[in-house]
mmCIF file of all heavy atoms, coordinates in Angstrom:
data_MODEL
# 
_entry.id   MODEL 
# 
loop_
_atom_site.group_PDB 
_atom_site.id 
_atom_site.type_symbol 
_atom_site.label_atom_id 
_atom_site.label_alt_id 
_atom_site.label_comp_id 
_atom_site.label_asym_id 
_atom_site.label_entity_id 
_atom_site.label_seq_id 
_atom_site.pdbx_PDB_ins_code 
_atom_site.Cartn_x 
_atom_site.Cartn_y 
_atom_site.Cartn_z 
_atom_site.occupancy 
_atom_site.B_iso_or_equiv 
_atom_site.pdbx_formal_charge 
_atom_site.auth_seq_id 
_atom_site.auth_comp_id 
_atom_site.auth_asym_id 
_atom_site.auth_atom_id 
_atom_site.pdbx_PDB_model_num 
ATOM 1   N N   . ILE A 1 1  ? -19.450 77.002 58.497 1.00 0.00 ? 1  ILE A N   1 
ATOM 2   C CA  . ILE A 1 1  ? -20.068 78.327 58.485 1.00 0.00 ? 1  ILE A CA  1 
ATOM 3   C C   . ILE A 1 1  ? -21.512 78.181 58.024 1.00 0.00 ? 1  ILE A C   1 
ATOM 4   O O   . ILE A 1 1  ? -21.776 77.664 56.944 1.00 0.00 ? 1  ILE A O   1 
ATOM 5   C CB  . ILE A 1 1  ? -19.322 79.274 57.538 1.00 0.00 ? 1  ILE A CB  1 
ATOM 6   C CG1 . ILE A 1 1  ? -17.860 79.420 57.969 1.00 0.00 ? 1  ILE A CG1 1 
ATOM 7   C CG2 . ILE A 1 1  ? -20.005 80.634 57.470 1.00 0.00 ? 1  ILE A CG2 1 
ATOM 8   C CD1 . ILE A 1 1  ? -17.000 80.142 56.951 1.00 0.00 ? 1  ILE A CD1 1 
ATOM 9   N N   . ASN A 1 2  ? -22.440 78.634 58.834 1.00 0.00 ? 2  ASN A N   1 
ATOM 10  C CA  . ASN A 1 2  ? -23.853 78.584 58.448 1.00 0.00 ? 2  ASN A CA  1 
ATOM 11  C C   . ASN A 1 2  ? -24.188 79.772 57.552 1.00 0.00 ? 2  ASN A C   1 
ATOM 12  O O   . ASN A 1 2  ? -23.896 80.921 57.886 1.00 0.00 ? 2  ASN A O   1 
ATOM 13  C CB  . ASN A 1 2  ? -24.756 78.592 59.682 1.00 0.00 ? 2  ASN A CB  1 
ATOM 14  C CG  . ASN A 1 2  ? -26.231 78.528 59.310 1.00 0.00 ? 2  ASN A CG  1 
ATOM 15  O OD1 . ASN A 1 2  ? -26.936 79.510 59.394 1.00 0.00 ? 2  ASN A OD1 1 
ATOM 16  N ND2 . ASN A 1 2  ? -26.666 77.362 58.881 1.00 0.00 ? 2  ASN A ND2 1 
ATOM 17  N N   . LEU A 1 3  ? -24.784 79.497 56.383 1.00 0.00 ? 3  LEU A N   1 
ATOM 18  C CA  . LEU A 1 3  ? -25.158 80.559 55.448 1.00 0.00 ? 3  LEU A CA  1 
ATOM 19  C C   . LEU A 1 3  ? -26.597 81.008 55.647 1.00 0.00 ? 3  LEU A C   1 
ATOM 20  O O   . LEU A 1 3  ? -26.907 82.185 55.510 1.00 0.00 ? 3  LEU A O   1 
ATOM 21  C CB  . LEU A 1 3  ? -24.948 80.081 54.006 1.00 0.00 ? 3  LEU A CB  1 
ATOM 22  C CG  . LEU A 1 3  ? -23.516 79.710 53.617 1.00 0.00 ? 3  LEU A CG  1 
ATOM 23  C CD1 . LEU A 1 3  ? -23.456 79.273 52.161 1.00 0.00 ? 3  LEU A CD1 1 
ATOM 24  C CD2 . LEU A 1 3  ? -22.551 80.866 53.872 1.00 0.00 ? 3  LEU A CD2 1 
ATOM 25  N N   . THR A 1 4  ? -27.495 80.056 55.918 1.00 0.00 ? 4  THR A N   1 
ATOM 26  C CA  . THR A 1 4  ? -28.895 80.397 56.164 1.00 0.00 ? 4  THR A CA  1 
ATOM 27  C C   . THR A 1 4  ? -29.633 79.188 56.728 1.00 0.00 ? 4  THR A C   1 
ATOM 28  O O   . THR A 1 4  ? -29.288 78.041 56.410 1.00 0.00 ? 4  THR A O   1 
ATOM 29  C CB  . THR A 1 4  ? -29.601 80.866 54.879 1.00 0.00 ? 4  THR A CB  1 
ATOM 30  O OG1 . THR A 1 4  ? -30.954 81.249 55.189 1.00 0.00 ? 4  THR A OG1 1 
ATOM 31  C CG2 . THR A 1 4  ? -29.641 79.785 53.823 1.00 0.00 ? 4  THR A CG2 1 
ATOM 32  N N   . THR A 1 5  ? -30.642 79.466 57.541 1.00 0.00 ? 5  THR A N   1 
ATOM 33  C CA  . THR A 1 5  ? -31.570 78.422 57.979 1.00 0.00 ? 5  THR A CA  1 
ATOM 34  C C   . THR A 1 5  ? -32.836 78.451 57.133 1.00 0.00 ? 5  THR A C   1 
ATOM 35  O O   . THR A 1 5  ? -33.692 77.586 57.261 1.00 0.00 ? 5  THR A O   1 
ATOM 36  C CB  . THR A 1 5  ? -31.945 78.619 59.463 1.00 0.00 ? 5  THR A CB  1 
ATOM 37  O OG1 . THR A 1 5  ? -32.535 79.922 59.629 1.00 0.00 ? 5  THR A OG1 1 
ATOM 38  C CG2 . THR A 1 5  ? -30.721 78.509 60.352 1.00 0.00 ? 5  THR A CG2 1 
ATOM 39  N N   . ASN A 1 6  ? -32.941 79.450 56.264 1.00 0.00 ? 6  ASN A N   1 
ATOM 40  C CA  . ASN A 1 6  ? -34.128 79.639 55.423 1.00 0.00 ? 6  ASN A CA  1 
ATOM 41  C C   . ASN A 1 6  ? -34.008 78.820 54.142 1.00 0.00 ? 6  ASN A C   1 
ATOM 42  O O   . ASN A 1 6  ? -33.820 79.352 53.050 1.00 0.00 ? 6  ASN A O   1 
ATOM 43  C CB  . ASN A 1 6  ? -34.304 81.120 55.105 1.00 0.00 ? 6  ASN A CB  1 
ATOM 44  C CG  . ASN A 1 6  ? -35.567 81.402 54.317 1.00 0.00 ? 6  ASN A CG  1 
ATOM 45  O OD1 . ASN A 1 6  ? -36.509 80.612 54.314 1.00 0.00 ? 6  ASN A OD1 1 
ATOM 46  N ND2 . ASN A 1 6  ? -35.585 82.539 53.629 1.00 0.00 ? 6  ASN A ND2 1 
ATOM 47  N N   . ILE A 1 7  ? -34.079 77.513 54.286 1.00 0.00 ? 7  ILE A N   1 
ATOM 48  C CA  . ILE A 1 7  ? -33.953 76.617 53.131 1.00 0.00 ? 7  ILE A CA  1 
ATOM 49  C C   . ILE A 1 7  ? -34.800 75.380 53.363 1.00 0.00 ? 7  ILE A C   1 
ATOM 50  O O   . ILE A 1 7  ? -34.829 74.822 54.458 1.00 0.00 ? 7  ILE A O   1 
ATOM 51  C CB  . ILE A 1 7  ? -32.473 76.228 52.886 1.00 0.00 ? 7  ILE A CB  1 
ATOM 52  C CG1 . ILE A 1 7  ? -32.353 75.236 51.723 1.00 0.00 ? 7  ILE A CG1 1 
ATOM 53  C CG2 . ILE A 1 7  ? -31.819 75.704 54.146 1.00 0.00 ? 7  ILE A CG2 1 
ATOM 54  C CD1 . ILE A 1 7  ? -30.912 74.925 51.326 1.00 0.00 ? 7  ILE A CD1 1 
ATOM 55  N N   . GLN A 1 8  ? -35.526 74.988 52.327 1.00 0.00 ? 8  GLN A N   1 
ATOM 56  C CA  . GLN A 1 8  ? -36.337 73.772 52.374 1.00 0.00 ? 8  GLN A CA  1 
ATOM 57  C C   . GLN A 1 8  ? -35.982 72.914 51.178 1.00 0.00 ? 8  GLN A C   1 
ATOM 58  O O   . GLN A 1 8  ? -36.179 73.323 50.041 1.00 0.00 ? 8  GLN A O   1 
ATOM 59  C CB  . GLN A 1 8  ? -37.833 74.105 52.349 1.00 0.00 ? 8  GLN A CB  1 
ATOM 60  C CG  . GLN A 1 8  ? -38.726 72.869 52.431 1.00 0.00 ? 8  GLN A CG  1 
ATOM 61  C CD  . GLN A 1 8  ? -40.200 73.210 52.351 1.00 0.00 ? 8  GLN A CD  1 
ATOM 62  O OE1 . GLN A 1 8  ? -40.571 74.387 52.198 1.00 0.00 ? 8  GLN A OE1 1 
ATOM 63  N NE2 . GLN A 1 8  ? -41.064 72.217 52.441 1.00 0.00 ? 8  GLN A NE2 1 
ATOM 64  N N   . PRO A 1 9  ? -35.429 71.710 51.399 1.00 0.00 ? 9  PRO A N   1 
ATOM 65  C CA  . PRO A 1 9  ? -35.072 70.853 50.260 1.00 0.00 ? 9  PRO A CA  1 
ATOM 66  C C   . PRO A 1 9  ? -36.315 70.367 49.529 1.00 0.00 ? 9  PRO A C   1 
ATOM 67  O O   . PRO A 1 9  ? -37.418 70.400 50.080 1.00 0.00 ? 9  PRO A O   1 
ATOM 68  C CB  . PRO A 1 9  ? -34.316 69.694 50.927 1.00 0.00 ? 9  PRO A CB  1 
ATOM 69  C CG  . PRO A 1 9  ? -34.828 69.662 52.320 1.00 0.00 ? 9  PRO A CG  1 
ATOM 70  C CD  . PRO A 1 9  ? -35.116 71.083 52.694 1.00 0.00 ? 9  PRO A CD  1 
ATOM 71  N N   . PRO A 1 10 ? -36.156 69.928 48.287 1.00 0.00 ? 10 PRO A N   1 
ATOM 72  C CA  . PRO A 1 10 ? -37.308 69.410 47.543 1.00 0.00 ? 10 PRO A CA  1 
ATOM 73  C C   . PRO A 1 10 ? -37.777 68.088 48.118 1.00 0.00 ? 10 PRO A C   1 
ATOM 74  O O   . PRO A 1 10 ? -37.034 67.383 48.807 1.00 0.00 ? 10 PRO A O   1 
ATOM 75  C CB  . PRO A 1 10 ? -36.763 69.240 46.124 1.00 0.00 ? 10 PRO A CB  1 
ATOM 76  C CG  . PRO A 1 10 ? -35.296 69.041 46.314 1.00 0.00 ? 10 PRO A CG  1 
ATOM 77  C CD  . PRO A 1 10 ? -34.914 69.872 47.501 1.00 0.00 ? 10 PRO A CD  1 
ATOM 78  N N   . MET A 1 11 ? -39.028 67.748 47.835 1.00 0.00 ? 11 MET A N   1 
ATOM 79  C CA  . MET A 1 11 ? -39.538 66.443 48.237 1.00 0.00 ? 11 MET A CA  1 
ATOM 80  C C   . MET A 1 11 ? -38.788 65.366 47.468 1.00 0.00 ? 11 MET A C   1 
ATOM 81  O O   . MET A 1 11 ? -38.511 65.517 46.277 1.00 0.00 ? 11 MET A O   1 
ATOM 82  C CB  . MET A 1 11 ? -41.038 66.348 47.939 1.00 0.00 ? 11 MET A CB  1 
ATOM 83  C CG  . MET A 1 11 ? -41.897 67.301 48.741 1.00 0.00 ? 11 MET A CG  1 
ATOM 84  S SD  . MET A 1 11 ? -43.639 67.136 48.336 1.00 0.00 ? 11 MET A SD  1 
ATOM 85  C CE  . MET A 1 11 ? -43.940 65.441 48.874 1.00 0.00 ? 11 MET A CE  1 
ATOM 86  N N   . ALA A 1 12 ? -38.437 64.262 48.150 1.00 0.00 ? 12 ALA A N   1 
ATOM 87  C CA  . ALA A 1 12 ? -37.736 63.150 47.511 1.00 0.00 ? 12 ALA A CA  1 
ATOM 88  C C   . ALA A 1 12 ? -36.515 63.643 46.750 1.00 0.00 ? 12 ALA A C   1 
ATOM 89  O O   . ALA A 1 12 ? -36.346 63.394 45.564 1.00 0.00 ? 12 ALA A O   1 
ATOM 90  C CB  . ALA A 1 12 ? -38.683 62.393 46.577 1.00 0.00 ? 12 ALA A CB  1 
ATOM 91  N N   . ALA A 1 13 ? -35.648 64.348 47.454 1.00 0.00 ? 13 ALA A N   1 
ATOM 92  C CA  . ALA A 1 13 ? -34.529 65.034 46.803 1.00 0.00 ? 13 ALA A CA  1 
ATOM 93  C C   . ALA A 1 13 ? -33.504 64.071 46.226 1.00 0.00 ? 13 ALA A C   1 
ATOM 94  O O   . ALA A 1 13 ? -33.051 63.165 46.906 1.00 0.00 ? 13 ALA A O   1 
ATOM 95  C CB  . ALA A 1 13 ? -33.848 65.950 47.807 1.00 0.00 ? 13 ALA A CB  1 
ATOM 96  N N   . PRO A 1 14 ? -33.099 64.267 44.968 1.00 0.00 ? 14 PRO A N   1 
ATOM 97  C CA  . PRO A 1 14 ? -31.984 63.522 44.394 1.00 0.00 ? 14 PRO A CA  1 
ATOM 98  C C   . PRO A 1 14 ? -30.668 64.153 44.819 1.00 0.00 ? 14 PRO A C   1 
ATOM 99  O O   . PRO A 1 14 ? -30.635 65.058 45.654 1.00 0.00 ? 14 PRO A O   1 
ATOM 100 C CB  . PRO A 1 14 ? -32.211 63.671 42.891 1.00 0.00 ? 14 PRO A CB  1 
ATOM 101 C CG  . PRO A 1 14 ? -32.844 65.027 42.787 1.00 0.00 ? 14 PRO A CG  1 
ATOM 102 C CD  . PRO A 1 14 ? -33.701 65.186 44.015 1.00 0.00 ? 14 PRO A CD  1 
ATOM 103 N N   . SER A 1 15 ? -29.587 63.701 44.214 1.00 0.00 ? 15 SER A N   1 
ATOM 104 C CA  . SER A 1 15 ? -28.266 64.204 44.600 1.00 0.00 ? 15 SER A CA  1 
ATOM 105 C C   . SER A 1 15 ? -27.959 65.592 44.046 1.00 0.00 ? 15 SER A C   1 
ATOM 106 O O   . SER A 1 15 ? -27.024 66.242 44.505 1.00 0.00 ? 15 SER A O   1 
ATOM 107 C CB  . SER A 1 15 ? -27.182 63.231 44.117 1.00 0.00 ? 15 SER A CB  1 
ATOM 108 O OG  . SER A 1 15 ? -27.347 61.967 44.711 1.00 0.00 ? 15 SER A OG  1 
ATOM 109 N N   . THR A 1 16 ? -28.728 66.054 43.072 1.00 0.00 ? 16 THR A N   1 
ATOM 110 C CA  . THR A 1 16 ? -28.339 67.249 42.330 1.00 0.00 ? 16 THR A CA  1 
ATOM 111 C C   . THR A 1 16 ? -29.317 68.400 42.525 1.00 0.00 ? 16 THR A C   1 
ATOM 112 O O   . THR A 1 16 ? -29.676 69.086 41.570 1.00 0.00 ? 16 THR A O   1 
ATOM 113 C CB  . THR A 1 16 ? -28.214 66.916 40.836 1.00 0.00 ? 16 THR A CB  1 
ATOM 114 O OG1 . THR A 1 16 ? -29.420 66.259 40.409 1.00 0.00 ? 16 THR A OG1 1 
ATOM 115 C CG2 . THR A 1 16 ? -27.025 66.018 40.586 1.00 0.00 ? 16 THR A CG2 1 
ATOM 116 N N   . TRP A 1 17 ? -29.732 68.646 43.756 1.00 0.00 ? 17 TRP A N   1 
ATOM 117 C CA  . TRP A 1 17 ? -30.675 69.748 43.976 1.00 0.00 ? 17 TRP A CA  1 
ATOM 118 C C   . TRP A 1 17 ? -29.984 71.032 44.418 1.00 0.00 ? 17 TRP A C   1 
ATOM 119 O O   . TRP A 1 17 ? -30.640 72.035 44.665 1.00 0.00 ? 17 TRP A O   1 
ATOM 120 C CB  . TRP A 1 17 ? -31.761 69.349 44.970 1.00 0.00 ? 17 TRP A CB  1 
ATOM 121 C CG  . TRP A 1 17 ? -31.326 69.001 46.361 1.00 0.00 ? 17 TRP A CG  1 
ATOM 122 C CD1 . TRP A 1 17 ? -30.875 67.795 46.800 1.00 0.00 ? 17 TRP A CD1 1 
ATOM 123 C CD2 . TRP A 1 17 ? -31.341 69.864 47.508 1.00 0.00 ? 17 TRP A CD2 1 
ATOM 124 N NE1 . TRP A 1 17 ? -30.597 67.842 48.136 1.00 0.00 ? 17 TRP A NE1 1 
ATOM 125 C CE2 . TRP A 1 17 ? -30.882 69.103 48.606 1.00 0.00 ? 17 TRP A CE2 1 
ATOM 126 C CE3 . TRP A 1 17 ? -31.693 71.186 47.715 1.00 0.00 ? 17 TRP A CE3 1 
ATOM 127 C CZ2 . TRP A 1 17 ? -30.757 69.632 49.889 1.00 0.00 ? 17 TRP A CZ2 1 
ATOM 128 C CZ3 . TRP A 1 17 ? -31.573 71.721 48.996 1.00 0.00 ? 17 TRP A CZ3 1 
ATOM 129 C CH2 . TRP A 1 17 ? -31.117 70.944 50.062 1.00 0.00 ? 17 TRP A CH2 1 
ATOM 130 N N   . MET A 1 18 ? -28.642 71.008 44.478 1.00 0.00 ? 18 MET A N   1 
ATOM 131 C CA  . MET A 1 18 ? -27.865 72.197 44.795 1.00 0.00 ? 18 MET A CA  1 
ATOM 132 C C   . MET A 1 18 ? -26.803 72.419 43.735 1.00 0.00 ? 18 MET A C   1 
ATOM 133 O O   . MET A 1 18 ? -26.292 71.467 43.152 1.00 0.00 ? 18 MET A O   1 
ATOM 134 C CB  . MET A 1 18 ? -27.189 72.052 46.166 1.00 0.00 ? 18 MET A CB  1 
ATOM 135 C CG  . MET A 1 18 ? -28.131 72.037 47.337 1.00 0.00 ? 18 MET A CG  1 
ATOM 136 S SD  . MET A 1 18 ? -27.256 71.648 48.885 1.00 0.00 ? 18 MET A SD  1 
ATOM 137 C CE  . MET A 1 18 ? -26.011 72.941 48.893 1.00 0.00 ? 18 MET A CE  1 
ATOM 138 N N   . ALA A 1 19 ? -26.431 73.696 43.490 1.00 0.00 ? 19 ALA A N   1 
ATOM 139 C CA  . ALA A 1 19 ? -25.363 74.044 42.550 1.00 0.00 ? 19 ALA A CA  1 
ATOM 140 C C   . ALA A 1 19 ? -24.702 75.318 43.042 1.00 0.00 ? 19 ALA A C   1 
ATOM 141 O O   . ALA A 1 19 ? -25.276 76.070 43.844 1.00 0.00 ? 19 ALA A O   1 
ATOM 142 C CB  . ALA A 1 19 ? -25.921 74.236 41.141 1.00 0.00 ? 19 ALA A CB  1 
ATOM 143 N N   . VAL A 1 20 ? -23.498 75.585 42.550 1.00 0.00 ? 20 VAL A N   1 
ATOM 144 C CA  . VAL A 1 20 ? -22.762 76.768 42.983 1.00 0.00 ? 20 VAL A CA  1 
ATOM 145 C C   . VAL A 1 20 ? -21.982 77.336 41.808 1.00 0.00 ? 20 VAL A C   1 
ATOM 146 O O   . VAL A 1 20 ? -21.536 76.608 40.918 1.00 0.00 ? 20 VAL A O   1 
ATOM 147 C CB  . VAL A 1 20 ? -21.811 76.412 44.164 1.00 0.00 ? 20 VAL A CB  1 
ATOM 148 C CG1 . VAL A 1 20 ? -20.735 75.440 43.732 1.00 0.00 ? 20 VAL A CG1 1 
ATOM 149 C CG2 . VAL A 1 20 ? -21.186 77.665 44.771 1.00 0.00 ? 20 VAL A CG2 1 
ATOM 150 N N   . ASP A 1 21 ? -21.845 78.665 41.770 1.00 0.00 ? 21 ASP A N   1 
ATOM 151 C CA  . ASP A 1 21 ? -20.939 79.323 40.826 1.00 0.00 ? 21 ASP A CA  1 
ATOM 152 C C   . ASP A 1 21 ? -19.965 80.185 41.623 1.00 0.00 ? 21 ASP A C   1 
ATOM 153 O O   . ASP A 1 21 ? -19.808 79.987 42.834 1.00 0.00 ? 21 ASP A O   1 
ATOM 154 C CB  . ASP A 1 21 ? -21.704 80.115 39.758 1.00 0.00 ? 21 ASP A CB  1 
ATOM 155 C CG  . ASP A 1 21 ? -22.544 81.258 40.324 1.00 0.00 ? 21 ASP A CG  1 
ATOM 156 O OD1 . ASP A 1 21 ? -22.347 81.651 41.496 1.00 0.00 ? 21 ASP A OD1 1 
ATOM 157 O OD2 . ASP A 1 21 ? -23.405 81.783 39.593 1.00 0.00 ? 21 ASP A OD2 1 
ATOM 158 N N   . SER A 1 22 ? -19.316 81.132 41.007 1.00 0.00 ? 22 SER A N   1 
ATOM 159 C CA  . SER A 1 22 ? -18.299 81.912 41.702 1.00 0.00 ? 22 SER A CA  1 
ATOM 160 C C   . SER A 1 22 ? -18.875 82.877 42.730 1.00 0.00 ? 22 SER A C   1 
ATOM 161 O O   . SER A 1 22 ? -18.137 83.417 43.558 1.00 0.00 ? 22 SER A O   1 
ATOM 162 C CB  . SER A 1 22 ? -17.468 82.694 40.685 1.00 0.00 ? 22 SER A CB  1 
ATOM 163 O OG  . SER A 1 22 ? -18.291 83.598 39.960 1.00 0.00 ? 22 SER A OG  1 
ATOM 164 N N   . SER A 1 23 ? -20.191 83.085 42.689 1.00 0.00 ? 23 SER A N   1 
ATOM 165 C CA  . SER A 1 23 ? -20.790 84.090 43.577 1.00 0.00 ? 23 SER A CA  1 
ATOM 166 C C   . SER A 1 23 ? -21.872 83.555 44.506 1.00 0.00 ? 23 SER A C   1 
ATOM 167 O O   . SER A 1 23 ? -22.038 84.072 45.618 1.00 0.00 ? 23 SER A O   1 
ATOM 168 C CB  . SER A 1 23 ? -21.407 85.225 42.736 1.00 0.00 ? 23 SER A CB  1 
ATOM 169 O OG  . SER A 1 23 ? -20.449 85.835 41.908 1.00 0.00 ? 23 SER A OG  1 
ATOM 170 N N   . ASN A 1 24 ? -22.626 82.547 44.061 1.00 0.00 ? 24 ASN A N   1 
ATOM 171 C CA  . ASN A 1 24 ? -23.824 82.142 44.783 1.00 0.00 ? 24 ASN A CA  1 
ATOM 172 C C   . ASN A 1 24 ? -23.992 80.631 44.848 1.00 0.00 ? 24 ASN A C   1 
ATOM 173 O O   . ASN A 1 24 ? -23.470 79.898 44.001 1.00 0.00 ? 24 ASN A O   1 
ATOM 174 C CB  . ASN A 1 24 ? -25.071 82.736 44.110 1.00 0.00 ? 24 ASN A CB  1 
ATOM 175 C CG  . ASN A 1 24 ? -25.070 84.244 44.093 1.00 0.00 ? 24 ASN A CG  1 
ATOM 176 O OD1 . ASN A 1 24 ? -25.243 84.892 45.122 1.00 0.00 ? 24 ASN A OD1 1 
ATOM 177 N ND2 . ASN A 1 24 ? -24.862 84.817 42.908 1.00 0.00 ? 24 ASN A ND2 1 
ATOM 178 N N   . VAL A 1 25 ? -24.764 80.207 45.840 1.00 0.00 ? 25 VAL A N   1 
ATOM 179 C CA  . VAL A 1 25 ? -25.260 78.840 45.920 1.00 0.00 ? 25 VAL A CA  1 
ATOM 180 C C   . VAL A 1 25 ? -26.725 78.869 45.503 1.00 0.00 ? 25 VAL A C   1 
ATOM 181 O O   . VAL A 1 25 ? -27.483 79.767 45.920 1.00 0.00 ? 25 VAL A O   1 
ATOM 182 C CB  . VAL A 1 25 ? -25.158 78.267 47.349 1.00 0.00 ? 25 VAL A CB  1 
ATOM 183 C CG1 . VAL A 1 25 ? -25.527 76.787 47.349 1.00 0.00 ? 25 VAL A CG1 1 
ATOM 184 C CG2 . VAL A 1 25 ? -23.773 78.466 47.915 1.00 0.00 ? 25 VAL A CG2 1 
ATOM 185 N N   . TYR A 1 26 ? -27.136 77.907 44.680 1.00 0.00 ? 26 TYR A N   1 
ATOM 186 C CA  . TYR A 1 26 ? -28.503 77.837 44.171 1.00 0.00 ? 26 TYR A CA  1 
ATOM 187 C C   . TYR A 1 26 ? -29.107 76.494 44.577 1.00 0.00 ? 26 TYR A C   1 
ATOM 188 O O   . TYR A 1 26 ? -28.404 75.495 44.693 1.00 0.00 ? 26 TYR A O   1 
ATOM 189 C CB  . TYR A 1 26 ? -28.515 77.937 42.646 1.00 0.00 ? 26 TYR A CB  1 
ATOM 190 C CG  . TYR A 1 26 ? -27.798 79.152 42.099 1.00 0.00 ? 26 TYR A CG  1 
ATOM 191 C CD1 . TYR A 1 26 ? -26.406 79.151 41.935 1.00 0.00 ? 26 TYR A CD1 1 
ATOM 192 C CD2 . TYR A 1 26 ? -28.498 80.293 41.727 1.00 0.00 ? 26 TYR A CD2 1 
ATOM 193 C CE1 . TYR A 1 26 ? -25.746 80.258 41.431 1.00 0.00 ? 26 TYR A CE1 1 
ATOM 194 C CE2 . TYR A 1 26 ? -27.842 81.406 41.217 1.00 0.00 ? 26 TYR A CE2 1 
ATOM 195 C CZ  . TYR A 1 26 ? -26.457 81.377 41.075 1.00 0.00 ? 26 TYR A CZ  1 
ATOM 196 O OH  . TYR A 1 26 ? -25.810 82.473 40.575 1.00 0.00 ? 26 TYR A OH  1 
ATOM 197 N N   . TRP A 1 27 ? -30.425 76.472 44.737 1.00 0.00 ? 27 TRP A N   1 
ATOM 198 C CA  . TRP A 1 27 ? -31.084 75.197 45.021 1.00 0.00 ? 27 TRP A CA  1 
ATOM 199 C C   . TRP A 1 27 ? -32.543 75.248 44.592 1.00 0.00 ? 27 TRP A C   1 
ATOM 200 O O   . TRP A 1 27 ? -33.138 76.307 44.436 1.00 0.00 ? 27 TRP A O   1 
ATOM 201 C CB  . TRP A 1 27 ? -30.992 74.857 46.512 1.00 0.00 ? 27 TRP A CB  1 
ATOM 202 C CG  . TRP A 1 27 ? -31.702 75.789 47.448 1.00 0.00 ? 27 TRP A CG  1 
ATOM 203 C CD1 . TRP A 1 27 ? -32.991 75.688 47.909 1.00 0.00 ? 27 TRP A CD1 1 
ATOM 204 C CD2 . TRP A 1 27 ? -31.158 76.979 48.051 1.00 0.00 ? 27 TRP A CD2 1 
ATOM 205 N NE1 . TRP A 1 27 ? -33.271 76.730 48.755 1.00 0.00 ? 27 TRP A NE1 1 
ATOM 206 C CE2 . TRP A 1 27 ? -32.177 77.523 48.884 1.00 0.00 ? 27 TRP A CE2 1 
ATOM 207 C CE3 . TRP A 1 27 ? -29.917 77.613 48.001 1.00 0.00 ? 27 TRP A CE3 1 
ATOM 208 C CZ2 . TRP A 1 27 ? -31.988 78.685 49.619 1.00 0.00 ? 27 TRP A CZ2 1 
ATOM 209 C CZ3 . TRP A 1 27 ? -29.723 78.769 48.733 1.00 0.00 ? 27 TRP A CZ3 1 
ATOM 210 C CH2 . TRP A 1 27 ? -30.739 79.291 49.541 1.00 0.00 ? 27 TRP A CH2 1 
ATOM 211 N N   . VAL A 1 28 ? -33.090 74.064 44.343 1.00 0.00 ? 28 VAL A N   1 
ATOM 212 C CA  . VAL A 1 28 ? -34.526 73.904 44.172 1.00 0.00 ? 28 VAL A CA  1 
ATOM 213 C C   . VAL A 1 28 ? -35.065 73.334 45.469 1.00 0.00 ? 28 VAL A C   1 
ATOM 214 O O   . VAL A 1 28 ? -34.381 72.587 46.174 1.00 0.00 ? 28 VAL A O   1 
ATOM 215 C CB  . VAL A 1 28 ? -34.886 72.982 42.992 1.00 0.00 ? 28 VAL A CB  1 
ATOM 216 C CG1 . VAL A 1 28 ? -34.550 73.635 41.675 1.00 0.00 ? 28 VAL A CG1 1 
ATOM 217 C CG2 . VAL A 1 28 ? -34.205 71.622 43.114 1.00 0.00 ? 28 VAL A CG2 1 
ATOM 218 N N   . GLY A 1 29 ? -36.305 73.664 45.795 1.00 0.00 ? 29 GLY A N   1 
ATOM 219 C CA  . GLY A 1 29 ? -36.857 73.175 47.048 1.00 0.00 ? 29 GLY A CA  1 
ATOM 220 C C   . GLY A 1 29 ? -38.337 73.429 47.141 1.00 0.00 ? 29 GLY A C   1 
ATOM 221 O O   . GLY A 1 29 ? -38.973 73.901 46.198 1.00 0.00 ? 29 GLY A O   1 
ATOM 222 N N   . GLY A 1 30 ? -38.879 73.094 48.307 1.00 0.00 ? 30 GLY A N   1 
ATOM 223 C CA  . GLY A 1 30 ? -40.286 73.328 48.554 1.00 0.00 ? 30 GLY A CA  1 
ATOM 224 C C   . GLY A 1 30 ? -41.135 72.100 48.313 1.00 0.00 ? 30 GLY A C   1 
ATOM 225 O O   . GLY A 1 30 ? -40.688 71.093 47.777 1.00 0.00 ? 30 GLY A O   1 
# 
């Protein structure tokens, strides 16, 4: 299921640039 195409990962992304809780997915990027 696609949630959004409006996402840009961080430069030189490590393994932990995304997180989730019971309601939302969070990320750092740009």
